[in-house]
Amino acid sequence: MPELSPNQVALQLAALAREMQNLADGLDKLETDAVEARENYIVAYADAFLHTTGPMDVRKQAALLETSDARLAAEVGEAKVRAARGQISALKVRIDVGRSASALVRAEADLLGVRR
């Protein structure tokens, strides 16, 4: 592992913080999109169910078939939210590693009597 200067560590942590902010900002939109997609599916299902005739089971299955695209869009939206949260969790780990590296650089500087 190459030696890092305090400035390099600080720059890496700042870059990670910006990346975290961008992911968090994107997560807000993904969550809103997922909620809207889920609601669109629910409304489409209800509409399809109410406009289909026949026994209850037939109406349910017809509504499922008719709204499969909306259901898929809702599930994809929720998967995107989970993926973004996973990216944020991974980034938090990277930031923690960066903080540890920063502490090691400071400790090494202190041992060597280097002024910060």
PDB file of N, CA and C in Angstrom:
ATOM      1  N   MET A   1       0.847  -1.177   0.000  1.00  0.00           N
ATOM      2  CA  MET A   1       0.000   0.000   0.000  1.00  0.00           C
ATOM      3  C   MET A   1       0.893   1.241   0.000  1.00  0.00           C
ATOM      4  N   PRO A   2       0.666   2.156  -0.930  1.00  0.00           N
ATOM      5  CA  PRO A   2       1.507   3.350  -0.986  1.00  0.00           C
ATOM      6  C   PRO A   2       1.256   4.239   0.220  1.00  0.00           C
ATOM      7  N   GLU A   3       2.325   4.965   0.601  1.00  0.00           N
ATOM      8  CA  GLU A   3       2.174   5.898   1.711  1.00  0.00           C
ATOM      9  C   GLU A   3       1.305   7.068   1.279  1.00  0.00           C
ATOM     10  N   LEU A   4       0.449   7.474   2.167  1.00  0.00           N
ATOM     11  CA  LEU A   4      -0.442   8.596   1.875  1.00  0.00           C
ATOM     12  C   LEU A   4      -0.051   9.788   2.723  1.00  0.00           C
ATOM     13  N   SER A   5      -0.109  10.948   2.128  1.00  0.00           N
ATOM     14  CA  SER A   5       0.111  12.164   2.907  1.00  0.00           C
ATOM     15  C   SER A   5      -1.209  12.553   3.562  1.00  0.00           C
ATOM     16  N   PRO A   6      -1.133  13.371   4.602  1.00  0.00           N
ATOM     17  CA  PRO A   6      -2.386  13.835   5.217  1.00  0.00           C
ATOM     18  C   PRO A   6      -3.309  14.524   4.206  1.00  0.00           C
ATOM     19  N   ASN A   7      -2.717  15.271   3.271  1.00  0.00           N
ATOM     20  CA  ASN A   7      -3.538  15.943   2.257  1.00  0.00           C
ATOM     21  C   ASN A   7      -4.229  14.938   1.344  1.00  0.00           C
ATOM     22  N   GLN A   8      -3.522  13.881   0.960  1.00  0.00           N
ATOM     23  CA  GLN A   8      -4.126  12.859   0.100  1.00  0.00           C
ATOM     24  C   GLN A   8      -5.291  12.181   0.806  1.00  0.00           C
ATOM     25  N   VAL A   9      -5.107  11.880   2.089  1.00  0.00           N
ATOM     26  CA  VAL A   9      -6.187  11.253   2.863  1.00  0.00           C
ATOM     27  C   VAL A   9      -7.379  12.193   2.947  1.00  0.00           C
ATOM     28  N   ALA A  10      -7.108  13.472   3.220  1.00  0.00           N
ATOM     29  CA  ALA A  10      -8.197  14.453   3.319  1.00  0.00           C
ATOM     30  C   ALA A  10      -8.926  14.590   1.987  1.00  0.00           C
ATOM     31  N   LEU A  11      -8.177  14.614   0.891  1.00  0.00           N
ATOM     32  CA  LEU A  11      -8.808  14.719  -0.432  1.00  0.00           C
ATOM     33  C   LEU A  11      -9.667  13.492  -0.732  1.00  0.00           C
ATOM     34  N   GLN A  12      -9.171  12.318  -0.383  1.00  0.00           N
ATOM     35  CA  GLN A  12      -9.957  11.093  -0.612  1.00  0.00           C
ATOM     36  C   GLN A  12     -11.230  11.097   0.221  1.00  0.00           C
ATOM     37  N   LEU A  13     -11.113  11.519   1.482  1.00  0.00           N
ATOM     38  CA  LEU A  13     -12.313  11.585   2.332  1.00  0.00           C
ATOM     39  C   LEU A  13     -13.312  12.607   1.803  1.00  0.00           C
ATOM     40  N   ALA A  14     -12.823  13.734   1.311  1.00  0.00           N
ATOM     41  CA  ALA A  14     -13.720  14.741   0.743  1.00  0.00           C
ATOM     42  C   ALA A  14     -14.418  14.201  -0.501  1.00  0.00           C
ATOM     43  N   ALA A  15     -13.678  13.476  -1.336  1.00  0.00           N
ATOM     44  CA  ALA A  15     -14.283  12.878  -2.538  1.00  0.00           C
ATOM     45  C   ALA A  15     -15.341  11.851  -2.159  1.00  0.00           C
ATOM     46  N   LEU A  16     -15.049  11.051  -1.142  1.00  0.00           N
ATOM     47  CA  LEU A  16     -16.029  10.064  -0.684  1.00  0.00           C
ATOM     48  C   LEU A  16     -17.271  10.750  -0.114  1.00  0.00           C
ATOM     49  N   ALA A  17     -17.075  11.846   0.592  1.00  0.00           N
ATOM     50  CA  ALA A  17     -18.214  12.586   1.148  1.00  0.00           C
ATOM     51  C   ALA A  17     -19.088  13.148   0.028  1.00  0.00           C
ATOM     52  N   ARG A  18     -18.457  13.659  -1.037  1.00  0.00           N
ATOM     53  CA  ARG A  18     -19.242  14.163  -2.179  1.00  0.00           C
ATOM     54  C   ARG A  18     -20.006  13.011  -2.843  1.00  0.00           C
ATOM     55  N   GLU A  19     -19.336  11.889  -2.990  1.00  0.00           N
ATOM     56  CA  GLU A  19     -20.004  10.724  -3.596  1.00  0.00           C
ATOM     57  C   GLU A  19     -21.190  10.281  -2.744  1.00  0.00           C
ATOM     58  N   MET A  20     -21.013  10.299  -1.426  1.00  0.00           N
ATOM     59  CA  MET A  20     -22.098   9.932  -0.505  1.00  0.00           C
ATOM     60  C   MET A  20     -23.268  10.900  -0.663  1.00  0.00           C
ATOM     61  N   GLN A  21     -22.988  12.189  -0.763  1.00  0.00           N
ATOM     62  CA  GLN A  21     -24.047  13.175  -0.925  1.00  0.00           C
ATOM     63  C   GLN A  21     -24.796  12.958  -2.237  1.00  0.00           C
ATOM     64  N   ASN A  22     -24.065  12.690  -3.304  1.00  0.00           N
ATOM     65  CA  ASN A  22     -24.706  12.430  -4.599  1.00  0.00           C
ATOM     66  C   ASN A  22     -25.605  11.203  -4.528  1.00  0.00           C
ATOM     67  N   LEU A  23     -25.126  10.148  -3.879  1.00  0.00           N
ATOM     68  CA  LEU A  23     -25.949   8.945  -3.739  1.00  0.00           C
ATOM     69  C   LEU A  23     -27.190   9.229  -2.893  1.00  0.00           C
ATOM     70  N   ALA A  24     -27.013   9.977  -1.820  1.00  0.00           N
ATOM     71  CA  ALA A  24     -28.155  10.303  -0.951  1.00  0.00           C
ATOM     72  C   ALA A  24     -29.178  11.147  -1.711  1.00  0.00           C
ATOM     73  N   ASP A  25     -28.691  12.103  -2.501  1.00  0.00           N
ATOM     74  CA  ASP A  25     -29.607  12.921  -3.300  1.00  0.00           C
ATOM     75  C   ASP A  25     -30.357  12.051  -4.309  1.00  0.00           C
ATOM     76  N   GLY A  26     -29.650  11.134  -4.937  1.00  0.00           N
ATOM     77  CA  GLY A  26     -30.282  10.233  -5.901  1.00  0.00           C
ATOM     78  C   GLY A  26     -31.276   9.300  -5.244  1.00  0.00           C
ATOM     79  N   LEU A  27     -30.979   8.888  -4.003  1.00  0.00           N
ATOM     80  CA  LEU A  27     -31.872   7.982  -3.283  1.00  0.00           C
ATOM     81  C   LEU A  27     -33.228   8.629  -3.047  1.00  0.00           C
ATOM     82  N   ASP A  28     -33.240   9.901  -2.746  1.00  0.00           N
ATOM     83  CA  ASP A  28     -34.513  10.608  -2.540  1.00  0.00           C
ATOM     84  C   ASP A  28     -35.415  10.462  -3.762  1.00  0.00           C
ATOM     85  N   LYS A  29     -34.843  10.667  -4.940  1.00  0.00           N
ATOM     86  CA  LYS A  29     -35.635  10.559  -6.180  1.00  0.00           C
ATOM     87  C   LYS A  29     -36.064   9.114  -6.420  1.00  0.00           C
ATOM     88  N   LEU A  30     -35.161   8.176  -6.193  1.00  0.00           N
ATOM     89  CA  LEU A  30     -35.511   6.763  -6.390  1.00  0.00           C
ATOM     90  C   LEU A  30     -36.656   6.350  -5.474  1.00  0.00           C
ATOM     91  N   GLU A  31     -36.622   6.810  -4.224  1.00  0.00           N
ATOM     92  CA  GLU A  31     -37.690   6.466  -3.288  1.00  0.00           C
ATOM     93  C   GLU A  31     -39.023   7.057  -3.745  1.00  0.00           C
ATOM     94  N   THR A  32     -39.001   8.306  -4.184  1.00  0.00           N
ATOM     95  CA  THR A  32     -40.227   8.937  -4.683  1.00  0.00           C
ATOM     96  C   THR A  32     -40.752   8.194  -5.903  1.00  0.00           C
ATOM     97  N   ASP A  33     -39.864   7.865  -6.831  1.00  0.00           N
ATOM     98  CA  ASP A  33     -40.265   7.124  -8.031  1.00  0.00           C
ATOM     99  C   ASP A  33     -40.857   5.763  -7.664  1.00  0.00           C
ATOM    100  N   ALA A  34     -40.252   5.089  -6.684  1.00  0.00           N
ATOM    101  CA  ALA A  34     -40.740   3.766  -6.273  1.00  0.00           C
ATOM    102  C   ALA A  34     -42.135   3.867  -5.655  1.00  0.00           C
ATOM    103  N   VAL A  35     -42.350   4.865  -4.838  1.00  0.00           N
ATOM    104  CA  VAL A  35     -43.673   5.059  -4.218  1.00  0.00           C
ATOM    105  C   VAL A  35     -44.717   5.341  -5.292  1.00  0.00           C
ATOM    106  N   GLU A  36     -44.365   6.210  -6.244  1.00  0.00           N
ATOM    107  CA  GLU A  36     -45.311   6.529  -7.318  1.00  0.00           C
ATOM    108  C   GLU A  36     -45.599   5.302  -8.184  1.00  0.00           C
ATOM    109  N   ALA A  37     -44.578   4.510  -8.485  1.00  0.00           N
ATOM    110  CA  ALA A  37     -44.776   3.306  -9.293  1.00  0.00           C
ATOM    111  C   ALA A  37     -45.658   2.300  -8.556  1.00  0.00           C
ATOM    112  N   ARG A  38     -45.443   2.150  -7.251  1.00  0.00           N
ATOM    113  CA  ARG A  38     -46.263   1.214  -6.462  1.00  0.00           C
ATOM    114  C   ARG A  38     -47.715   1.685  -6.466  1.00  0.00           C
ATOM    115  N   GLU A  39     -47.946   2.979  -6.284  1.00  0.00           N
ATOM    116  CA  GLU A  39     -49.311   3.504  -6.267  1.00  0.00           C
ATOM    117  C   GLU A  39     -49.962   3.363  -7.641  1.00  0.00           C
ATOM    118  N   ASN A  40     -49.211   3.607  -8.701  1.00  0.00           N
ATOM    119  CA  ASN A  40     -49.748   3.417 -10.056  1.00  0.00           C
ATOM    120  C   ASN A  40     -50.184   1.965 -10.257  1.00  0.00           C
ATOM    121  N   TYR A  41     -49.392   1.034  -9.764  1.00  0.00           N
ATOM    122  CA  TYR A  41     -49.745  -0.382  -9.881  1.00  0.00           C
ATOM    123  C   TYR A  41     -51.026  -0.677  -9.108  1.00  0.00           C
ATOM    124  N   ILE A  42     -51.119  -0.193  -7.887  1.00  0.00           N
ATOM    125  CA  ILE A  42     -52.300  -0.466  -7.056  1.00  0.00           C
ATOM    126  C   ILE A  42     -53.562   0.065  -7.728  1.00  0.00           C
ATOM    127  N   VAL A  43     -53.479   1.276  -8.254  1.00  0.00           N
ATOM    128  CA  VAL A  43     -54.638   1.883  -8.913  1.00  0.00           C
ATOM    129  C   VAL A  43     -54.988   1.117 -10.190  1.00  0.00           C
ATOM    130  N   ALA A  44     -53.977   0.754 -10.964  1.00  0.00           N
ATOM    131  CA  ALA A  44     -54.226   0.001 -12.203  1.00  0.00           C
ATOM    132  C   ALA A  44     -54.840  -1.362 -11.897  1.00  0.00           C
ATOM    133  N   TYR A  45     -54.347  -2.018 -10.850  1.00  0.00           N
ATOM    134  CA  TYR A  45     -54.894  -3.321 -10.466  1.00  0.00           C
ATOM    135  C   TYR A  45     -56.361  -3.181 -10.063  1.00  0.00           C
ATOM    136  N   ALA A  46     -56.637  -2.205  -9.220  1.00  0.00           N
ATOM    137  CA  ALA A  46     -58.016  -2.001  -8.760  1.00  0.00           C
ATOM    138  C   ALA A  46     -58.932  -1.712  -9.943  1.00  0.00           C
ATOM    139  N   ASP A  47     -58.473  -0.884 -10.852  1.00  0.00           N
ATOM    140  CA  ASP A  47     -59.269  -0.549 -12.027  1.00  0.00           C
ATOM    141  C   ASP A  47     -59.531  -1.799 -12.884  1.00  0.00           C
ATOM    142  N   ALA A  48     -58.469  -2.569 -13.117  1.00  0.00           N
ATOM    143  CA  ALA A  48     -58.619  -3.786 -13.924  1.00  0.00           C
ATOM    144  C   ALA A  48     -59.548  -4.786 -13.237  1.00  0.00           C
ATOM    145  N   PHE A  49     -59.408  -4.920 -11.935  1.00  0.00           N
ATOM    146  CA  PHE A  49     -60.239  -5.854 -11.183  1.00  0.00           C
ATOM    147  C   PHE A  49     -61.712  -5.448 -11.251  1.00  0.00           C
ATOM    148  N   LEU A  50     -61.952  -4.158 -11.061  1.00  0.00           N
ATOM    149  CA  LEU A  50     -63.343  -3.689 -11.042  1.00  0.00           C
ATOM    150  C   LEU A  50     -64.005  -3.729 -12.419  1.00  0.00           C
ATOM    151  N   HIS A  51     -63.217  -3.699 -13.479  1.00  0.00           N
ATOM    152  CA  HIS A  51     -63.779  -3.700 -14.830  1.00  0.00           C
ATOM    153  C   HIS A  51     -63.754  -5.070 -15.501  1.00  0.00           C
ATOM    154  N   THR A  52     -63.450  -6.095 -14.735  1.00  0.00           N
ATOM    155  CA  THR A  52     -63.454  -7.462 -15.251  1.00  0.00           C
ATOM    156  C   THR A  52     -64.667  -8.171 -14.662  1.00  0.00           C
ATOM    157  N   THR A  53     -65.268  -9.019 -15.462  1.00  0.00           N
ATOM    158  CA  THR A  53     -66.442  -9.754 -14.974  1.00  0.00           C
ATOM    159  C   THR A  53     -66.056 -11.209 -14.742  1.00  0.00           C
ATOM    160  N   GLY A  54     -66.879 -11.874 -13.976  1.00  0.00           N
ATOM    161  CA  GLY A  54     -66.664 -13.288 -13.723  1.00  0.00           C
ATOM    162  C   GLY A  54     -66.426 -13.557 -12.252  1.00  0.00           C
ATOM    163  N   PRO A  55     -66.103 -14.818 -11.941  1.00  0.00           N
ATOM    164  CA  PRO A  55     -65.845 -15.182 -10.548  1.00  0.00           C
ATOM    165  C   PRO A  55     -64.629 -14.419  -9.993  1.00  0.00           C
ATOM    166  N   MET A  56     -64.560 -14.353  -8.678  1.00  0.00           N
ATOM    167  CA  MET A  56     -63.519 -13.597  -7.982  1.00  0.00           C
ATOM    168  C   MET A  56     -62.110 -14.008  -8.437  1.00  0.00           C
ATOM    169  N   ASP A  57     -61.832 -15.300  -8.489  1.00  0.00           N
ATOM    170  CA  ASP A  57     -60.493 -15.758  -8.881  1.00  0.00           C
ATOM    171  C   ASP A  57     -60.140 -15.344 -10.305  1.00  0.00           C
ATOM    172  N   VAL A  58     -61.105 -15.401 -11.191  1.00  0.00           N
ATOM    173  CA  VAL A  58     -60.869 -15.012 -12.583  1.00  0.00           C
ATOM    174  C   VAL A  58     -60.568 -13.511 -12.656  1.00  0.00           C
ATOM    175  N   ARG A  59     -61.308 -12.733 -11.893  1.00  0.00           N
ATOM    176  CA  ARG A  59     -61.098 -11.288 -11.886  1.00  0.00           C
ATOM    177  C   ARG A  59     -59.710 -10.939 -11.344  1.00  0.00           C
ATOM    178  N   LYS A  60     -59.289 -11.640 -10.283  1.00  0.00           N
ATOM    179  CA  LYS A  60     -57.958 -11.391  -9.707  1.00  0.00           C
ATOM    180  C   LYS A  60     -56.863 -11.713 -10.719  1.00  0.00           C
ATOM    181  N   GLN A  61     -56.976 -12.872 -11.355  1.00  0.00           N
ATOM    182  CA  GLN A  61     -55.947 -13.273 -12.312  1.00  0.00           C
ATOM    183  C   GLN A  61     -55.938 -12.360 -13.546  1.00  0.00           C
ATOM    184  N   ALA A  62     -57.100 -11.961 -13.992  1.00  0.00           N
ATOM    185  CA  ALA A  62     -57.176 -11.042 -15.137  1.00  0.00           C
ATOM    186  C   ALA A  62     -56.536  -9.704 -14.775  1.00  0.00           C
ATOM    187  N   ALA A  63     -56.790  -9.242 -13.573  1.00  0.00           N
ATOM    188  CA  ALA A  63     -56.199  -7.977 -13.126  1.00  0.00           C
ATOM    189  C   ALA A  63     -54.680  -8.098 -13.014  1.00  0.00           C
ATOM    190  N   LEU A  64     -54.190  -9.228 -12.529  1.00  0.00           N
ATOM    191  CA  LEU A  64     -52.743  -9.447 -12.460  1.00  0.00           C
ATOM    192  C   LEU A  64     -52.112  -9.414 -13.845  1.00  0.00           C
ATOM    193  N   LEU A  65     -52.747 -10.097 -14.789  1.00  0.00           N
ATOM    194  CA  LEU A  65     -52.218 -10.108 -16.156  1.00  0.00           C
ATOM    195  C   LEU A  65     -52.231  -8.718 -16.780  1.00  0.00           C
ATOM    196  N   GLU A  66     -53.296  -8.015 -16.562  1.00  0.00           N
ATOM    197  CA  GLU A  66     -53.448  -6.696 -17.176  1.00  0.00           C
ATOM    198  C   GLU A  66     -52.485  -5.657 -16.596  1.00  0.00           C
ATOM    199  N   THR A  67     -52.062  -5.874 -15.366  1.00  0.00           N
ATOM    200  CA  THR A  67     -51.209  -4.875 -14.699  1.00  0.00           C
ATOM    201  C   THR A  67     -49.775  -5.356 -14.501  1.00  0.00           C
ATOM    202  N   SER A  68     -49.357  -6.356 -15.237  1.00  0.00           N
ATOM    203  CA  SER A  68     -48.012  -6.906 -15.023  1.00  0.00           C
ATOM    204  C   SER A  68     -46.916  -5.866 -15.265  1.00  0.00           C
ATOM    205  N   ASP A  69     -47.078  -5.001 -16.252  1.00  0.00           N
ATOM    206  CA  ASP A  69     -46.060  -3.979 -16.518  1.00  0.00           C
ATOM    207  C   ASP A  69     -45.960  -2.993 -15.349  1.00  0.00           C
ATOM    208  N   ALA A  70     -47.096  -2.604 -14.816  1.00  0.00           N
ATOM    209  CA  ALA A  70     -47.096  -1.666 -13.689  1.00  0.00           C
ATOM    210  C   ALA A  70     -46.497  -2.323 -12.445  1.00  0.00           C
ATOM    211  N   ARG A  71     -46.815  -3.598 -12.236  1.00  0.00           N
ATOM    212  CA  ARG A  71     -46.264  -4.328 -11.089  1.00  0.00           C
ATOM    213  C   ARG A  71     -44.746  -4.443 -11.232  1.00  0.00           C
ATOM    214  N   LEU A  72     -44.283  -4.765 -12.442  1.00  0.00           N
ATOM    215  CA  LEU A  72     -42.849  -4.875 -12.690  1.00  0.00           C
ATOM    216  C   LEU A  72     -42.157  -3.530 -12.459  1.00  0.00           C
ATOM    217  N   ALA A  73     -42.748  -2.447 -12.925  1.00  0.00           N
ATOM    218  CA  ALA A  73     -42.165  -1.118 -12.718  1.00  0.00           C
ATOM    219  C   ALA A  73     -42.048  -0.804 -11.225  1.00  0.00           C
ATOM    220  N   ALA A  74     -43.050  -1.184 -10.454  1.00  0.00           N
ATOM    221  CA  ALA A  74     -43.018  -0.950  -9.007  1.00  0.00           C
ATOM    222  C   ALA A  74     -41.905  -1.766  -8.359  1.00  0.00           C
ATOM    223  N   GLU A  75     -41.765  -3.007  -8.749  1.00  0.00           N
ATOM    224  CA  GLU A  75     -40.738  -3.861  -8.153  1.00  0.00           C
ATOM    225  C   GLU A  75     -39.340  -3.430  -8.578  1.00  0.00           C
ATOM    226  N   VAL A  76     -39.182  -2.999  -9.806  1.00  0.00           N
ATOM    227  CA  VAL A  76     -37.885  -2.489 -10.264  1.00  0.00           C
ATOM    228  C   VAL A  76     -37.533  -1.217  -9.487  1.00  0.00           C
ATOM    229  N   GLY A  77     -38.515  -0.361  -9.272  1.00  0.00           N
ATOM    230  CA  GLY A  77     -38.281   0.853  -8.484  1.00  0.00           C
ATOM    231  C   GLY A  77     -37.819   0.537  -7.075  1.00  0.00           C
ATOM    232  N   GLU A  78     -38.434  -0.448  -6.454  1.00  0.00           N
ATOM    233  CA  GLU A  78     -38.030  -0.847  -5.105  1.00  0.00           C
ATOM    234  C   GLU A  78     -36.637  -1.473  -5.110  1.00  0.00           C
ATOM    235  N   ALA A  79     -36.315  -2.224  -6.162  1.00  0.00           N
ATOM    236  CA  ALA A  79     -34.975  -2.823  -6.283  1.00  0.00           C
ATOM    237  C   ALA A  79     -33.915  -1.731  -6.433  1.00  0.00           C
ATOM    238  N   LYS A  80     -34.228  -0.676  -7.169  1.00  0.00           N
ATOM    239  CA  LYS A  80     -33.285   0.437  -7.324  1.00  0.00           C
ATOM    240  C   LYS A  80     -33.027   1.121  -5.986  1.00  0.00           C
ATOM    241  N   VAL A  81     -34.067   1.262  -5.177  1.00  0.00           N
ATOM    242  CA  VAL A  81     -33.901   1.858  -3.849  1.00  0.00           C
ATOM    243  C   VAL A  81     -32.987   0.970  -3.000  1.00  0.00           C
ATOM    244  N   ARG A  82     -33.221  -0.339  -3.017  1.00  0.00           N
ATOM    245  CA  ARG A  82     -32.369  -1.256  -2.244  1.00  0.00           C
ATOM    246  C   ARG A  82     -30.921  -1.192  -2.728  1.00  0.00           C
ATOM    247  N   ALA A  83     -30.733  -1.128  -4.040  1.00  0.00           N
ATOM    248  CA  ALA A  83     -29.376  -1.063  -4.598  1.00  0.00           C
ATOM    249  C   ALA A  83     -28.674   0.228  -4.167  1.00  0.00           C
ATOM    250  N   ALA A  84     -29.389   1.341  -4.209  1.00  0.00           N
ATOM    251  CA  ALA A  84     -28.790   2.615  -3.797  1.00  0.00           C
ATOM    252  C   ALA A  84     -28.432   2.592  -2.314  1.00  0.00           C
ATOM    253  N   ARG A  85     -29.294   2.007  -1.508  1.00  0.00           N
ATOM    254  CA  ARG A  85     -28.980   1.891  -0.074  1.00  0.00           C
ATOM    255  C   ARG A  85     -27.750   1.018   0.135  1.00  0.00           C
ATOM    256  N   GLY A  86     -27.626  -0.040  -0.670  1.00  0.00           N
ATOM    257  CA  GLY A  86     -26.435  -0.888  -0.588  1.00  0.00           C
ATOM    258  C   GLY A  86     -25.181  -0.135  -0.961  1.00  0.00           C
ATOM    259  N   GLN A  87     -25.273   0.698  -1.996  1.00  0.00           N
ATOM    260  CA  GLN A  87     -24.126   1.517  -2.392  1.00  0.00           C
ATOM    261  C   GLN A  87     -23.739   2.492  -1.284  1.00  0.00           C
ATOM    262  N   ILE A  88     -24.737   3.068  -0.648  1.00  0.00           N
ATOM    263  CA  ILE A  88     -24.468   3.999   0.450  1.00  0.00           C
ATOM    264  C   ILE A  88     -23.808   3.265   1.613  1.00  0.00           C
ATOM    265  N   SER A  89     -24.272   2.069   1.919  1.00  0.00           N
ATOM    266  CA  SER A  89     -23.656   1.286   2.997  1.00  0.00           C
ATOM    267  C   SER A  89     -22.203   0.964   2.680  1.00  0.00           C
ATOM    268  N   ALA A  90     -21.942   0.578   1.434  1.00  0.00           N
ATOM    269  CA  ALA A  90     -20.570   0.277   1.031  1.00  0.00           C
ATOM    270  C   ALA A  90     -19.696   1.525   1.112  1.00  0.00           C
ATOM    271  N   LEU A  91     -20.256   2.652   0.742  1.00  0.00           N
ATOM    272  CA  LEU A  91     -19.503   3.898   0.793  1.00  0.00           C
ATOM    273  C   LEU A  91     -19.196   4.285   2.236  1.00  0.00           C
ATOM    274  N   LYS A  92     -20.123   4.023   3.145  1.00  0.00           N
ATOM    275  CA  LYS A  92     -19.870   4.298   4.563  1.00  0.00           C
ATOM    276  C   LYS A  92     -18.665   3.493   5.053  1.00  0.00           C
ATOM    277  N   VAL A  93     -18.556   2.257   4.601  1.00  0.00           N
ATOM    278  CA  VAL A  93     -17.411   1.421   4.976  1.00  0.00           C
ATOM    279  C   VAL A  93     -16.125   2.039   4.423  1.00  0.00           C
ATOM    280  N   ARG A  94     -16.170   2.490   3.173  1.00  0.00           N
ATOM    281  CA  ARG A  94     -14.991   3.117   2.573  1.00  0.00           C
ATOM    282  C   ARG A  94     -14.590   4.376   3.343  1.00  0.00           C
ATOM    283  N   ILE A  95     -15.557   5.140   3.787  1.00  0.00           N
ATOM    284  CA  ILE A  95     -15.267   6.345   4.572  1.00  0.00           C
ATOM    285  C   ILE A  95     -14.635   5.959   5.906  1.00  0.00           C
ATOM    286  N   ASP A  96     -15.160   4.915   6.537  1.00  0.00           N
ATOM    287  CA  ASP A  96     -14.569   4.450   7.794  1.00  0.00           C
ATOM    288  C   ASP A  96     -13.121   4.010   7.591  1.00  0.00           C
ATOM    289  N   VAL A  97     -12.852   3.323   6.497  1.00  0.00           N
ATOM    290  CA  VAL A  97     -11.479   2.912   6.180  1.00  0.00           C
ATOM    291  C   VAL A  97     -10.613   4.150   5.982  1.00  0.00           C
ATOM    292  N   GLY A  98     -11.140   5.139   5.295  1.00  0.00           N
ATOM    293  CA  GLY A  98     -10.401   6.384   5.093  1.00  0.00           C
ATOM    294  C   GLY A  98     -10.094   7.092   6.402  1.00  0.00           C
ATOM    295  N   ARG A  99     -11.050   7.072   7.311  1.00  0.00           N
ATOM    296  CA  ARG A  99     -10.816   7.685   8.626  1.00  0.00           C
ATOM    297  C   ARG A  99      -9.726   6.944   9.380  1.00  0.00           C
ATOM    298  N   SER A 100      -9.740   5.619   9.275  1.00  0.00           N
ATOM    299  CA  SER A 100      -8.696   4.830   9.923  1.00  0.00           C
ATOM    300  C   SER A 100      -7.335   5.148   9.311  1.00  0.00           C
ATOM    301  N   ALA A 101      -7.293   5.272   7.991  1.00  0.00           N
ATOM    302  CA  ALA A 101      -6.038   5.620   7.322  1.00  0.00           C
ATOM    303  C   ALA A 101      -5.563   6.997   7.788  1.00  0.00           C
ATOM    304  N   SER A 102      -6.495   7.913   7.941  1.00  0.00           N
ATOM    305  CA  SER A 102      -6.153   9.255   8.402  1.00  0.00           C
ATOM    306  C   SER A 102      -5.551   9.200   9.803  1.00  0.00           C
ATOM    307  N   ALA A 103      -6.149   8.400  10.664  1.00  0.00           N
ATOM    308  CA  ALA A 103      -5.632   8.262  12.033  1.00  0.00           C
ATOM    309  C   ALA A 103      -4.233   7.657  12.014  1.00  0.00           C
ATOM    310  N   LEU A 104      -4.015   6.683  11.139  1.00  0.00           N
ATOM    311  CA  LEU A 104      -2.679   6.077  11.034  1.00  0.00           C
ATOM    312  C   LEU A 104      -1.652   7.075  10.523  1.00  0.00           C
ATOM    313  N   VAL A 105      -2.031   7.879   9.538  1.00  0.00           N
ATOM    314  CA  VAL A 105      -1.118   8.895   9.006  1.00  0.00           C
ATOM    315  C   VAL A 105      -0.764   9.903  10.100  1.00  0.00           C
ATOM    316  N   ARG A 106      -1.754  10.328  10.870  1.00  0.00           N
ATOM    317  CA  ARG A 106      -1.496  11.271  11.967  1.00  0.00           C
ATOM    318  C   ARG A 106      -0.598  10.654  13.029  1.00  0.00           C
ATOM    319  N   ALA A 107      -0.874   9.378  13.370  1.00  0.00           N
ATOM    320  CA  ALA A 107      -0.057   8.707  14.378  1.00  0.00           C
ATOM    321  C   ALA A 107       1.389   8.576  13.904  1.00  0.00           C
ATOM    322  N   GLU A 108       1.554   8.222  12.637  1.00  0.00           N
ATOM    323  CA  GLU A 108       2.895   8.108  12.084  1.00  0.00           C
ATOM    324  C   GLU A 108       3.612   9.455  12.094  1.00  0.00           C
ATOM    325  N   ALA A 109       2.901  10.502  11.745  1.00  0.00           N
ATOM    326  CA  ALA A 109       3.489  11.843  11.759  1.00  0.00           C
ATOM    327  C   ALA A 109       3.893  12.238  13.168  1.00  0.00           C
ATOM    328  N   ASP A 110       3.052  11.898  14.137  1.00  0.00           N
ATOM    329  CA  ASP A 110       3.370  12.211  15.537  1.00  0.00           C
ATOM    330  C   ASP A 110       4.616  11.462  15.987  1.00  0.00           C
ATOM    331  N   LEU A 111       4.712  10.190  15.599  1.00  0.00           N
ATOM    332  CA  LEU A 111       5.877   9.387  15.973  1.00  0.00           C
ATOM    333  C   LEU A 111       7.155   9.938  15.361  1.00  0.00           C
ATOM    334  N   LEU A 112       7.054  10.431  14.149  1.00  0.00           N
ATOM    335  CA  LEU A 112       8.215  10.951  13.444  1.00  0.00           C
ATOM    336  C   LEU A 112       8.493  12.414  13.800  1.00  0.00           C
ATOM    337  N   GLY A 113       7.605  13.005  14.581  1.00  0.00           N
ATOM    338  CA  GLY A 113       7.767  14.399  14.983  1.00  0.00           C
ATOM    339  C   GLY A 113       7.521  15.376  13.837  1.00  0.00           C
ATOM    340  N   VAL A 114       6.722  14.963  12.884  1.00  0.00           N
ATOM    341  CA  VAL A 114       6.405  15.820  11.740  1.00  0.00           C
ATOM    342  C   VAL A 114       5.285  16.770  12.137  1.00  0.00           C
ATOM    343  N   ARG A 115       5.471  18.031  11.822  1.00  0.00           N
ATOM    344  CA  ARG A 115       4.413  19.031  12.106  1.00  0.00           C
ATOM    345  C   ARG A 115       3.293  18.903  11.093  1.00  0.00           C
ATOM    346  N   ARG A 116       2.093  19.055  11.590  1.00  0.00           N
ATOM    347  CA  ARG A 116       0.935  19.009  10.694  1.00  0.00           C
ATOM    348  C   ARG A 116       0.542  20.372  10.276  1.00  0.00           C
TER     349      ARG A 116
END
